């Protein structure tokens, strides 16, 4: 866990030296989790479940329409909690509409083994103002015990 968080902070520190144009913010919202779990092996869980998330992000501008945006989010879904750290490559389709894609590093607190998982994220964001956006992202799990998750929320640049 400590190595995971240290790696994220080292990456953020390194990215901050790329360009002087760096912004930080907070985000949060709801998530819908789609479990791919066989009830015989993992207990009685519904196929979908509603949860919440919240955390921080940084936006490092590479050029006028390309950014790198790492995030660190805490996610709660009923009895499950985990840290989600996507590292997005953000493309600005226009001034207000953004497409983000990248790997998602995840640390699950409640799984019995194999607590660290790498997943894939794709996200869309729309700016309501210069500081406020709404976003939707989908996280795809590659393993049987790694659920797919849809996030709907807001972000605020500080």
Protein backbone atom coordinates (compact mmCIF):
# COMPACT_ATOMS: atom_id res chain seq x y z
CA UNK A 1 0.00 0.00 0.00
CA UNK A 2 2.76 2.46 0.95
CA UNK A 3 4.73 1.67 -2.23
CA UNK A 4 1.57 2.24 -4.27
CA UNK A 5 0.92 5.70 -2.76
CA UNK A 6 4.60 6.63 -2.97
CA UNK A 7 4.63 5.73 -6.68
CA UNK A 8 1.59 7.96 -7.32
CA UNK A 9 3.15 10.94 -5.51
CA UNK A 10 6.48 10.49 -7.34
CA UNK A 11 4.60 10.43 -10.66
CA UNK A 12 2.67 13.61 -9.79
CA UNK A 13 5.87 15.36 -8.67
CA UNK A 14 7.66 14.35 -11.88
CA UNK A 15 4.77 15.49 -14.07
CA UNK A 16 4.69 18.89 -12.36
CA UNK A 17 8.11 19.64 -13.87
CA UNK A 18 6.77 19.13 -17.43
CA UNK A 19 4.98 22.46 -17.75
CA UNK A 20 4.24 25.47 -15.57
CA UNK A 21 0.52 25.19 -16.43
CA UNK A 22 -0.68 22.83 -13.68
CA UNK A 23 -4.09 22.84 -12.03
CA UNK A 24 -5.38 20.87 -9.05
CA UNK A 25 -8.90 20.03 -8.01
CA UNK A 26 -11.37 17.80 -6.22
CA UNK A 27 -14.04 15.50 -7.61
CA UNK A 28 -16.76 13.25 -6.37
CA UNK A 29 -20.04 11.61 -7.19
CA UNK A 30 -21.81 8.28 -7.42
CA UNK A 31 -20.76 5.02 -9.00
CA UNK A 32 -22.65 2.03 -10.28
CA UNK A 33 -20.72 -1.21 -9.93
CA UNK A 34 -21.38 -4.17 -12.21
CA UNK A 35 -20.19 -7.31 -10.45
CA UNK A 36 -19.02 -10.29 -12.49
CA UNK A 37 -19.11 -12.62 -9.48
CA UNK A 38 -20.38 -16.18 -9.27
CA UNK A 39 -22.55 -16.36 -6.13
CA UNK A 40 -21.36 -19.89 -5.38
CA UNK A 41 -17.77 -18.66 -4.95
CA UNK A 42 -18.16 -15.18 -3.48
CA UNK A 43 -21.40 -14.82 -1.56
CA UNK A 44 -24.70 -13.18 -2.28
CA UNK A 45 -24.13 -9.85 -4.02
CA UNK A 46 -26.46 -8.19 -6.49
CA UNK A 47 -25.43 -7.80 -10.12
CA UNK A 48 -25.21 -4.00 -9.66
CA UNK A 49 -24.69 -1.84 -6.64
CA UNK A 50 -24.64 1.93 -5.99
CA UNK A 51 -21.74 3.62 -4.21
CA UNK A 52 -19.83 6.90 -3.88
CA UNK A 53 -16.39 8.29 -4.63
CA UNK A 54 -14.31 11.34 -3.85
CA UNK A 55 -10.76 12.50 -4.21
CA UNK A 56 -8.22 14.75 -5.86
CA UNK A 57 -6.81 15.30 -9.33
CA UNK A 58 -4.02 17.22 -11.03
CA UNK A 59 -4.08 18.51 -14.60
CA UNK A 60 -0.70 18.88 -16.35
CA UNK A 61 -0.89 20.65 -19.71
CA UNK A 62 1.41 19.20 -22.37
CA UNK A 63 0.13 21.43 -25.19
CA UNK A 64 -3.06 23.35 -25.94
CA UNK A 65 -5.22 20.24 -26.43
CA UNK A 66 -3.31 17.45 -24.65
CA UNK A 67 -3.00 16.93 -20.88
CA UNK A 68 -1.99 14.29 -18.39
CA UNK A 69 -4.44 13.99 -15.50
CA UNK A 70 -3.64 11.64 -12.61
CA UNK A 71 -6.27 11.18 -9.91
CA UNK A 72 -6.47 9.58 -6.48
CA UNK A 73 -10.01 8.57 -5.50
CA UNK A 74 -11.49 6.76 -2.52
CA UNK A 75 -14.39 4.53 -3.56
CA UNK A 76 -17.02 3.00 -1.32
CA UNK A 77 -19.48 0.38 -2.54
CA UNK A 78 -21.48 -1.17 0.29
CA UNK A 79 -18.94 -3.41 2.07
CA UNK A 80 -16.12 -2.75 -0.44
CA UNK A 81 -13.64 0.11 -0.27
CA UNK A 82 -10.71 0.75 -2.55
CA UNK A 83 -8.33 3.39 -3.88
CA UNK A 84 -8.53 4.17 -7.58
CA UNK A 85 -5.62 5.99 -9.24
CA UNK A 86 -6.22 6.48 -12.95
CA UNK A 87 -3.56 8.15 -15.06
CA UNK A 88 -5.38 9.76 -17.96
CA UNK A 89 -4.21 11.11 -21.25
CA UNK A 90 -6.74 13.91 -21.83
CA UNK A 91 -7.58 15.18 -25.30
CA UNK A 92 -9.56 18.42 -25.57
CA UNK A 93 -12.10 17.88 -28.34
CA UNK A 94 -13.02 21.56 -27.96
CA UNK A 95 -12.88 24.19 -25.21
CA UNK A 96 -15.53 22.46 -23.06
CA UNK A 97 -15.54 18.78 -24.08
CA UNK A 98 -12.75 16.36 -23.12
CA UNK A 99 -11.96 12.70 -23.77
CA UNK A 100 -9.78 10.90 -21.21
CA UNK A 101 -8.31 7.40 -21.47
CA UNK A 102 -5.70 5.47 -19.55
CA UNK A 103 -4.79 2.76 -17.08
CA UNK A 104 -6.39 2.65 -13.67
CA UNK A 105 -4.34 1.42 -10.71
CA UNK A 106 -6.53 0.03 -7.94
CA UNK A 107 -5.92 -1.15 -4.40
CA UNK A 108 -8.83 -3.11 -2.92
CA UNK A 109 -8.99 -3.17 0.88
CA UNK A 110 -11.54 -5.99 1.15
CA UNK A 111 -10.49 -8.71 -1.27
CA UNK A 112 -8.98 -11.86 0.21
CA UNK A 113 -5.92 -11.89 -2.05
CA UNK A 114 -4.60 -10.08 -5.12
CA UNK A 115 -5.57 -6.68 -3.72
CA UNK A 116 -3.78 -4.70 -6.45
CA UNK A 117 -5.44 -4.63 -9.87
CA UNK A 118 -4.81 -2.74 -13.09
CA UNK A 119 -7.90 -1.80 -15.06
CA UNK A 120 -8.72 0.41 -18.05
CA UNK A 121 -10.63 3.71 -17.90
CA UNK A 122 -12.37 5.79 -20.51
CA UNK A 123 -13.98 9.08 -19.51
CA UNK A 124 -15.87 12.04 -20.92
CA UNK A 125 -15.92 15.45 -19.23
CA UNK A 126 -17.82 18.63 -20.00
CA UNK A 127 -16.94 22.04 -18.51
CA UNK A 128 -19.92 23.90 -17.07
CA UNK A 129 -17.61 26.81 -16.19
CA UNK A 130 -13.87 27.44 -16.03
CA UNK A 131 -13.69 25.65 -12.66
CA UNK A 132 -16.65 23.22 -12.66
CA UNK A 133 -17.15 20.13 -14.82
CA UNK A 134 -19.41 17.11 -14.99
CA UNK A 135 -17.91 13.80 -15.96
CA UNK A 136 -18.72 10.20 -16.67
CA UNK A 137 -16.17 7.42 -16.71
CA UNK A 138 -16.26 3.69 -17.17
CA UNK A 139 -13.69 1.37 -15.60
CA UNK A 140 -13.28 -2.07 -17.10
CA UNK A 141 -12.02 -4.90 -14.89
CA UNK A 142 -9.99 -7.61 -16.61
CA UNK A 143 -10.28 -10.32 -13.96
CA UNK A 144 -13.23 -12.27 -12.58
CA UNK A 145 -13.17 -10.50 -9.18
CA UNK A 146 -12.58 -7.02 -10.57
CA UNK A 147 -15.92 -5.30 -11.14
CA UNK A 148 -16.71 -2.88 -13.94
CA UNK A 149 -17.72 0.53 -12.61
CA UNK A 150 -19.50 3.58 -14.10
CA UNK A 151 -18.82 6.92 -12.38
CA UNK A 152 -21.05 10.01 -12.63
CA UNK A 153 -19.87 13.14 -10.86
CA UNK A 154 -18.57 16.66 -10.71
CA UNK A 155 -15.08 18.09 -10.55
CA UNK A 156 -13.95 21.48 -9.23
CA UNK A 157 -10.59 23.09 -10.04
CA UNK A 158 -9.11 24.90 -7.07
